[in-house]
Amino acid sequence: MQPITIQIRIYPSDPALLIQMGNEYINTVNRLTEQAEWQGSFPKLTSKTVQANLPSAIKNQLIRDAKSIYQKSKKDIDGHSRTA
């Protein structure tokens, strides 16, 4: 028997929940990015170590996004300091 893959999309019936989760996502990404800038490097994080009221898959994505933002901001700062 051949396995079959099914993709399921969940649409929230409560728009307020979607807004709340979006705000939680943005706030957490900003907090992690600021923390990394303060420490001078991006810390090793997992969905267990991130404090946010979000599903673990979303936490993993926000860790990747925060790390990417930190690396871009670090690259911009390094580039400006060399040209100044």
PDB file of N, CA and C in Angstrom:
ATOM      1  N   MET A   1       0.842  -1.173   0.000  1.00  0.00           N
ATOM      2  CA  MET A   1       0.000   0.000   0.000  1.00  0.00           C
ATOM      3  C   MET A   1       0.894   1.246   0.000  1.00  0.00           C
ATOM      4  N   GLN A   2       0.596   2.184  -0.855  1.00  0.00           N
ATOM      5  CA  GLN A   2       1.398   3.395  -0.994  1.00  0.00           C
ATOM      6  C   GLN A   2       0.869   4.480  -0.053  1.00  0.00           C
ATOM      7  N   PRO A   3       1.788   5.148   0.686  1.00  0.00           N
ATOM      8  CA  PRO A   3       1.322   6.219   1.577  1.00  0.00           C
ATOM      9  C   PRO A   3       0.876   7.436   0.769  1.00  0.00           C
ATOM     10  N   ILE A   4      -0.052   8.156   1.320  1.00  0.00           N
ATOM     11  CA  ILE A   4      -0.561   9.360   0.670  1.00  0.00           C
ATOM     12  C   ILE A   4      -0.385  10.541   1.627  1.00  0.00           C
ATOM     13  N   THR A   5       0.008  11.670   1.086  1.00  0.00           N
ATOM     14  CA  THR A   5       0.196  12.867   1.893  1.00  0.00           C
ATOM     15  C   THR A   5      -1.002  13.786   1.702  1.00  0.00           C
ATOM     16  N   ILE A   6      -1.527  14.265   2.815  1.00  0.00           N
ATOM     17  CA  ILE A   6      -2.671  15.166   2.780  1.00  0.00           C
ATOM     18  C   ILE A   6      -2.270  16.469   3.456  1.00  0.00           C
ATOM     19  N   GLN A   7      -2.579  17.580   2.809  1.00  0.00           N
ATOM     20  CA  GLN A   7      -2.291  18.884   3.395  1.00  0.00           C
ATOM     21  C   GLN A   7      -3.584  19.437   3.979  1.00  0.00           C
ATOM     22  N   ILE A   8      -3.522  19.833   5.243  1.00  0.00           N
ATOM     23  CA  ILE A   8      -4.694  20.374   5.924  1.00  0.00           C
ATOM     24  C   ILE A   8      -4.420  21.831   6.264  1.00  0.00           C
ATOM     25  N   ARG A   9      -5.356  22.676   5.945  1.00  0.00           N
ATOM     26  CA  ARG A   9      -5.239  24.090   6.292  1.00  0.00           C
ATOM     27  C   ARG A   9      -6.316  24.420   7.311  1.00  0.00           C
ATOM     28  N   ILE A  10      -5.898  25.100   8.354  1.00  0.00           N
ATOM     29  CA  ILE A  10      -6.831  25.465   9.413  1.00  0.00           C
ATOM     30  C   ILE A  10      -7.091  26.963   9.326  1.00  0.00           C
ATOM     31  N   TYR A  11      -8.345  27.314   9.212  1.00  0.00           N
ATOM     32  CA  TYR A  11      -8.731  28.716   9.167  1.00  0.00           C
ATOM     33  C   TYR A  11      -9.403  29.064  10.494  1.00  0.00           C
ATOM     34  N   PRO A  12      -8.840  30.008  11.232  1.00  0.00           N
ATOM     35  CA  PRO A  12      -9.434  30.341  12.529  1.00  0.00           C
ATOM     36  C   PRO A  12     -10.814  30.970  12.359  1.00  0.00           C
ATOM     37  N   SER A  13     -11.736  30.540  13.181  1.00  0.00           N
ATOM     38  CA  SER A  13     -13.086  31.090  13.117  1.00  0.00           C
ATOM     39  C   SER A  13     -13.169  32.397  13.898  1.00  0.00           C
ATOM     40  N   ASP A  14     -12.133  32.697  14.673  1.00  0.00           N
ATOM     41  CA  ASP A  14     -12.113  33.905  15.493  1.00  0.00           C
ATOM     42  C   ASP A  14     -10.975  34.819  15.029  1.00  0.00           C
ATOM     43  N   PRO A  15     -11.292  35.901  14.303  1.00  0.00           N
ATOM     44  CA  PRO A  15     -10.235  36.807  13.827  1.00  0.00           C
ATOM     45  C   PRO A  15      -9.404  37.409  14.960  1.00  0.00           C
ATOM     46  N   ALA A  16      -9.997  37.583  16.132  1.00  0.00           N
ATOM     47  CA  ALA A  16      -9.262  38.144  17.268  1.00  0.00           C
ATOM     48  C   ALA A  16      -8.113  37.222  17.665  1.00  0.00           C
ATOM     49  N   LEU A  17      -8.309  35.917  17.549  1.00  0.00           N
ATOM     50  CA  LEU A  17      -7.257  34.955  17.865  1.00  0.00           C
ATOM     51  C   LEU A  17      -6.096  35.098  16.889  1.00  0.00           C
ATOM     52  N   LEU A  18      -6.408  35.273  15.611  1.00  0.00           N
ATOM     53  CA  LEU A  18      -5.377  35.457  14.593  1.00  0.00           C
ATOM     54  C   LEU A  18      -4.580  36.737  14.857  1.00  0.00           C
ATOM     55  N   ILE A  19      -5.264  37.812  15.223  1.00  0.00           N
ATOM     56  CA  ILE A  19      -4.593  39.082  15.541  1.00  0.00           C
ATOM     57  C   ILE A  19      -3.711  38.917  16.769  1.00  0.00           C
ATOM     58  N   GLN A  20      -4.232  38.246  17.795  1.00  0.00           N
ATOM     59  CA  GLN A  20      -3.468  38.021  19.023  1.00  0.00           C
ATOM     60  C   GLN A  20      -2.207  37.209  18.737  1.00  0.00           C
ATOM     61  N   MET A  21      -2.332  36.151  17.945  1.00  0.00           N
ATOM     62  CA  MET A  21      -1.171  35.318  17.625  1.00  0.00           C
ATOM     63  C   MET A  21      -0.164  36.092  16.778  1.00  0.00           C
ATOM     64  N   GLY A  22      -0.654  36.924  15.865  1.00  0.00           N
ATOM     65  CA  GLY A  22       0.237  37.749  15.051  1.00  0.00           C
ATOM     66  C   GLY A  22       1.024  38.732  15.897  1.00  0.00           C
ATOM     67  N   ASN A  23       0.350  39.360  16.846  1.00  0.00           N
ATOM     68  CA  ASN A  23       1.031  40.297  17.748  1.00  0.00           C
ATOM     69  C   ASN A  23       2.048  39.586  18.628  1.00  0.00           C
ATOM     70  N   GLU A  24       1.696  38.415  19.115  1.00  0.00           N
ATOM     71  CA  GLU A  24       2.613  37.618  19.937  1.00  0.00           C
ATOM     72  C   GLU A  24       3.853  37.241  19.127  1.00  0.00           C
ATOM     73  N   TYR A  25       3.650  36.875  17.868  1.00  0.00           N
ATOM     74  CA  TYR A  25       4.745  36.511  16.969  1.00  0.00           C
ATOM     75  C   TYR A  25       5.690  37.695  16.784  1.00  0.00           C
ATOM     76  N   ILE A  26       5.142  38.850  16.435  1.00  0.00           N
ATOM     77  CA  ILE A  26       5.953  40.046  16.189  1.00  0.00           C
ATOM     78  C   ILE A  26       6.703  40.468  17.446  1.00  0.00           C
ATOM     79  N   ASN A  27       6.011  40.495  18.582  1.00  0.00           N
ATOM     80  CA  ASN A  27       6.655  40.896  19.838  1.00  0.00           C
ATOM     81  C   ASN A  27       7.794  39.953  20.208  1.00  0.00           C
ATOM     82  N   THR A  28       7.596  38.663  19.997  1.00  0.00           N
ATOM     83  CA  THR A  28       8.628  37.687  20.346  1.00  0.00           C
ATOM     84  C   THR A  28       9.829  37.800  19.416  1.00  0.00           C
ATOM     85  N   VAL A  29       9.598  37.984  18.122  1.00  0.00           N
ATOM     86  CA  VAL A  29      10.705  38.173  17.178  1.00  0.00           C
ATOM     87  C   VAL A  29      11.506  39.412  17.565  1.00  0.00           C
ATOM     88  N   ASN A  30      10.814  40.508  17.869  1.00  0.00           N
ATOM     89  CA  ASN A  30      11.503  41.740  18.268  1.00  0.00           C
ATOM     90  C   ASN A  30      12.317  41.538  19.543  1.00  0.00           C
ATOM     91  N   ARG A  31      11.727  40.842  20.505  1.00  0.00           N
ATOM     92  CA  ARG A  31      12.422  40.601  21.779  1.00  0.00           C
ATOM     93  C   ARG A  31      13.672  39.754  21.572  1.00  0.00           C
ATOM     94  N   LEU A  32      13.569  38.698  20.772  1.00  0.00           N
ATOM     95  CA  LEU A  32      14.722  37.826  20.524  1.00  0.00           C
ATOM     96  C   LEU A  32      15.818  38.564  19.759  1.00  0.00           C
ATOM     97  N   THR A  33      15.423  39.406  18.806  1.00  0.00           N
ATOM     98  CA  THR A  33      16.401  40.174  18.036  1.00  0.00           C
ATOM     99  C   THR A  33      17.126  41.170  18.933  1.00  0.00           C
ATOM    100  N   GLU A  34      16.381  41.869  19.791  1.00  0.00           N
ATOM    101  CA  GLU A  34      16.996  42.818  20.728  1.00  0.00           C
ATOM    102  C   GLU A  34      17.932  42.098  21.692  1.00  0.00           C
ATOM    103  N   GLN A  35      17.517  40.934  22.165  1.00  0.00           N
ATOM    104  CA  GLN A  35      18.348  40.149  23.078  1.00  0.00           C
ATOM    105  C   GLN A  35      19.655  39.751  22.397  1.00  0.00           C
ATOM    106  N   ALA A  36      19.581  39.337  21.145  1.00  0.00           N
ATOM    107  CA  ALA A  36      20.782  38.937  20.404  1.00  0.00           C
ATOM    108  C   ALA A  36      21.703  40.135  20.189  1.00  0.00           C
ATOM    109  N   GLU A  37      21.132  41.293  19.872  1.00  0.00           N
ATOM    110  CA  GLU A  37      21.947  42.498  19.688  1.00  0.00           C
ATOM    111  C   GLU A  37      22.645  42.874  20.988  1.00  0.00           C
ATOM    112  N   TRP A  38      21.943  42.748  22.100  1.00  0.00           N
ATOM    113  CA  TRP A  38      22.513  43.084  23.405  1.00  0.00           C
ATOM    114  C   TRP A  38      23.645  42.121  23.771  1.00  0.00           C
ATOM    115  N   GLN A  39      23.465  40.821  23.454  1.00  0.00           N
ATOM    116  CA  GLN A  39      24.474  39.814  23.782  1.00  0.00           C
ATOM    117  C   GLN A  39      25.618  39.795  22.775  1.00  0.00           C
ATOM    118  N   GLY A  40      25.391  40.301  21.585  1.00  0.00           N
ATOM    119  CA  GLY A  40      26.423  40.303  20.560  1.00  0.00           C
ATOM    120  C   GLY A  40      26.433  39.063  19.690  1.00  0.00           C
ATOM    121  N   SER A  41      25.553  38.116  19.960  1.00  0.00           N
ATOM    122  CA  SER A  41      25.415  36.918  19.128  1.00  0.00           C
ATOM    123  C   SER A  41      24.025  36.335  19.350  1.00  0.00           C
ATOM    124  N   PHE A  42      23.571  35.569  18.375  1.00  0.00           N
ATOM    125  CA  PHE A  42      22.243  34.973  18.499  1.00  0.00           C
ATOM    126  C   PHE A  42      22.351  33.693  19.317  1.00  0.00           C
ATOM    127  N   PRO A  43      21.573  33.577  20.397  1.00  0.00           N
ATOM    128  CA  PRO A  43      21.680  32.395  21.266  1.00  0.00           C
ATOM    129  C   PRO A  43      21.070  31.151  20.629  1.00  0.00           C
ATOM    130  N   LYS A  44      21.470  29.989  21.131  1.00  0.00           N
ATOM    131  CA  LYS A  44      20.866  28.721  20.709  1.00  0.00           C
ATOM    132  C   LYS A  44      19.487  28.643  21.353  1.00  0.00           C
ATOM    133  N   LEU A  45      18.459  28.540  20.540  1.00  0.00           N
ATOM    134  CA  LEU A  45      17.097  28.511  21.048  1.00  0.00           C
ATOM    135  C   LEU A  45      16.333  27.332  20.465  1.00  0.00           C
ATOM    136  N   THR A  46      15.354  26.865  21.218  1.00  0.00           N
ATOM    137  CA  THR A  46      14.423  25.846  20.743  1.00  0.00           C
ATOM    138  C   THR A  46      13.016  26.316  21.083  1.00  0.00           C
ATOM    139  N   SER A  47      12.027  25.628  20.560  1.00  0.00           N
ATOM    140  CA  SER A  47      10.648  26.007  20.870  1.00  0.00           C
ATOM    141  C   SER A  47      10.352  25.853  22.361  1.00  0.00           C
ATOM    142  N   LYS A  48      11.098  24.990  23.036  1.00  0.00           N
ATOM    143  CA  LYS A  48      10.909  24.830  24.481  1.00  0.00           C
ATOM    144  C   LYS A  48      11.450  26.015  25.267  1.00  0.00           C
ATOM    145  N   THR A  49      12.536  26.618  24.782  1.00  0.00           N
ATOM    146  CA  THR A  49      13.169  27.701  25.537  1.00  0.00           C
ATOM    147  C   THR A  49      12.571  29.073  25.235  1.00  0.00           C
ATOM    148  N   VAL A  50      11.789  29.187  24.164  1.00  0.00           N
ATOM    149  CA  VAL A  50      11.169  30.469  23.816  1.00  0.00           C
ATOM    150  C   VAL A  50       9.856  30.606  24.576  1.00  0.00           C
ATOM    151  N   GLN A  51       9.727  31.712  25.302  1.00  0.00           N
ATOM    152  CA  GLN A  51       8.514  31.966  26.074  1.00  0.00           C
ATOM    153  C   GLN A  51       7.523  32.745  25.213  1.00  0.00           C
ATOM    154  N   ALA A  52       6.561  32.045  24.651  1.00  0.00           N
ATOM    155  CA  ALA A  52       5.511  32.665  23.844  1.00  0.00           C
ATOM    156  C   ALA A  52       4.313  31.730  23.820  1.00  0.00           C
ATOM    157  N   ASN A  53       3.142  32.306  23.788  1.00  0.00           N
ATOM    158  CA  ASN A  53       1.918  31.516  23.763  1.00  0.00           C
ATOM    159  C   ASN A  53       1.561  31.187  22.311  1.00  0.00           C
ATOM    160  N   LEU A  54       2.413  30.354  21.691  1.00  0.00           N
ATOM    161  CA  LEU A  54       2.258  29.968  20.293  1.00  0.00           C
ATOM    162  C   LEU A  54       2.586  28.489  20.132  1.00  0.00           C
ATOM    163  N   PRO A  55       2.070  27.848  19.092  1.00  0.00           N
ATOM    164  CA  PRO A  55       2.431  26.449  18.828  1.00  0.00           C
ATOM    165  C   PRO A  55       3.926  26.317  18.527  1.00  0.00           C
ATOM    166  N   SER A  56       4.486  25.152  18.782  1.00  0.00           N
ATOM    167  CA  SER A  56       5.931  24.954  18.631  1.00  0.00           C
ATOM    168  C   SER A  56       6.403  25.170  17.194  1.00  0.00           C
ATOM    169  N   ALA A  57       5.611  24.806  16.206  1.00  0.00           N
ATOM    170  CA  ALA A  57       6.015  25.028  14.811  1.00  0.00           C
ATOM    171  C   ALA A  57       6.152  26.521  14.520  1.00  0.00           C
ATOM    172  N   ILE A  58       5.268  27.313  15.082  1.00  0.00           N
ATOM    173  CA  ILE A  58       5.330  28.766  14.903  1.00  0.00           C
ATOM    174  C   ILE A  58       6.537  29.326  15.647  1.00  0.00           C
ATOM    175  N   LYS A  59       6.810  28.799  16.833  1.00  0.00           N
ATOM    176  CA  LYS A  59       7.994  29.238  17.587  1.00  0.00           C
ATOM    177  C   LYS A  59       9.269  28.953  16.800  1.00  0.00           C
ATOM    178  N   ASN A  60       9.347  27.775  16.180  1.00  0.00           N
ATOM    179  CA  ASN A  60      10.532  27.439  15.381  1.00  0.00           C
ATOM    180  C   ASN A  60      10.698  28.405  14.216  1.00  0.00           C
ATOM    181  N   GLN A  61       9.592  28.783  13.584  1.00  0.00           N
ATOM    182  CA  GLN A  61       9.667  29.732  12.475  1.00  0.00           C
ATOM    183  C   GLN A  61      10.094  31.110  12.967  1.00  0.00           C
ATOM    184  N   LEU A  62       9.580  31.542  14.110  1.00  0.00           N
ATOM    185  CA  LEU A  62       9.961  32.869  14.596  1.00  0.00           C
ATOM    186  C   LEU A  62      11.417  32.904  15.044  1.00  0.00           C
ATOM    187  N   ILE A  63      11.951  31.778  15.507  1.00  0.00           N
ATOM    188  CA  ILE A  63      13.386  31.708  15.828  1.00  0.00           C
ATOM    189  C   ILE A  63      14.196  31.918  14.551  1.00  0.00           C
ATOM    190  N   ARG A  64      13.805  31.242  13.471  1.00  0.00           N
ATOM    191  CA  ARG A  64      14.508  31.414  12.190  1.00  0.00           C
ATOM    192  C   ARG A  64      14.402  32.856  11.697  1.00  0.00           C
ATOM    193  N   ASP A  65      13.212  33.451  11.822  1.00  0.00           N
ATOM    194  CA  ASP A  65      13.022  34.829  11.373  1.00  0.00           C
ATOM    195  C   ASP A  65      13.843  35.803  12.206  1.00  0.00           C
ATOM    196  N   ALA A  66      13.843  35.632  13.522  1.00  0.00           N
ATOM    197  CA  ALA A  66      14.609  36.524  14.395  1.00  0.00           C
ATOM    198  C   ALA A  66      16.100  36.416  14.101  1.00  0.00           C
ATOM    199  N   LYS A  67      16.573  35.203  13.871  1.00  0.00           N
ATOM    200  CA  LYS A  67      17.990  35.006  13.556  1.00  0.00           C
ATOM    201  C   LYS A  67      18.348  35.685  12.241  1.00  0.00           C
ATOM    202  N   SER A  68      17.474  35.570  11.258  1.00  0.00           N
ATOM    203  CA  SER A  68      17.702  36.204   9.963  1.00  0.00           C
ATOM    204  C   SER A  68      17.726  37.728  10.096  1.00  0.00           C
ATOM    205  N   ILE A  69      16.802  38.279  10.850  1.00  0.00           N
ATOM    206  CA  ILE A  69      16.759  39.731  11.069  1.00  0.00           C
ATOM    207  C   ILE A  69      18.018  40.188  11.784  1.00  0.00           C
ATOM    208  N   TYR A  70      18.441  39.441  12.793  1.00  0.00           N
ATOM    209  CA  TYR A  70      19.660  39.797  13.522  1.00  0.00           C
ATOM    210  C   TYR A  70      20.870  39.789  12.589  1.00  0.00           C
ATOM    211  N   GLN A  71      20.989  38.759  11.765  1.00  0.00           N
ATOM    212  CA  GLN A  71      22.135  38.669  10.851  1.00  0.00           C
ATOM    213  C   GLN A  71      22.127  39.811   9.839  1.00  0.00           C
ATOM    214  N   LYS A  72      20.952  40.185   9.337  1.00  0.00           N
ATOM    215  CA  LYS A  72      20.860  41.300   8.395  1.00  0.00           C
ATOM    216  C   LYS A  72      21.223  42.615   9.071  1.00  0.00           C
ATOM    217  N   SER A  73      20.739  42.825  10.298  1.00  0.00           N
ATOM    218  CA  SER A  73      21.049  44.080  10.994  1.00  0.00           C
ATOM    219  C   SER A  73      22.527  44.145  11.346  1.00  0.00           C
ATOM    220  N   LYS A  74      23.105  43.011  11.704  1.00  0.00           N
ATOM    221  CA  LYS A  74      24.531  42.966  12.023  1.00  0.00           C
ATOM    222  C   LYS A  74      25.353  43.278  10.776  1.00  0.00           C
ATOM    223  N   LYS A  75      24.934  42.725   9.634  1.00  0.00           N
ATOM    224  CA  LYS A  75      25.630  42.964   8.376  1.00  0.00           C
ATOM    225  C   LYS A  75      25.534  44.446   7.997  1.00  0.00           C
ATOM    226  N   ASP A  76      24.354  45.053   8.194  1.00  0.00           N
ATOM    227  CA  ASP A  76      24.173  46.472   7.892  1.00  0.00           C
ATOM    228  C   ASP A  76      25.046  47.340   8.788  1.00  0.00           C
ATOM    229  N   ILE A  77      25.107  47.013  10.067  1.00  0.00           N
ATOM    230  CA  ILE A  77      25.925  47.783  11.013  1.00  0.00           C
ATOM    231  C   ILE A  77      27.396  47.647  10.654  1.00  0.00           C
ATOM    232  N   ASP A  78      27.848  46.433  10.360  1.00  0.00           N
ATOM    233  CA  ASP A  78      29.250  46.213   9.985  1.00  0.00           C
ATOM    234  C   ASP A  78      29.586  46.960   8.701  1.00  0.00           C
ATOM    235  N   GLY A  79      28.685  46.963   7.743  1.00  0.00           N
ATOM    236  CA  GLY A  79      28.918  47.646   6.477  1.00  0.00           C
ATOM    237  C   GLY A  79      29.006  49.149   6.646  1.00  0.00           C
ATOM    238  N   HIS A  80      28.163  49.722   7.512  1.00  0.00           N
ATOM    239  CA  HIS A  80      28.181  51.165   7.744  1.00  0.00           C
ATOM    240  C   HIS A  80      29.408  51.592   8.531  1.00  0.00           C
ATOM    241  N   SER A  81      29.855  50.768   9.456  1.00  0.00           N
ATOM    242  CA  SER A  81      31.014  51.156  10.268  1.00  0.00           C
ATOM    243  C   SER A  81      32.294  51.143   9.440  1.00  0.00           C
ATOM    244  N   ARG A  82      32.338  50.311   8.418  1.00  0.00           N
ATOM    245  CA  ARG A  82      33.532  50.267   7.559  1.00  0.00           C
ATOM    246  C   ARG A  82      33.601  51.472   6.630  1.00  0.00           C
ATOM    247  N   THR A  83      32.429  51.939   6.183  1.00  0.00           N
ATOM    248  CA  THR A  83      32.417  53.059   5.244  1.00  0.00           C
ATOM    249  C   THR A  83      32.493  54.397   5.954  1.00  0.00           C
ATOM    250  N   ALA A  84      32.220  54.418   7.231  1.00  0.00           N
ATOM    251  CA  ALA A  84      32.225  55.687   7.979  1.00  0.00           C
ATOM    252  C   ALA A  84      33.627  56.119   8.327  1.00  0.00           C
TER     253      ALA A  84
END
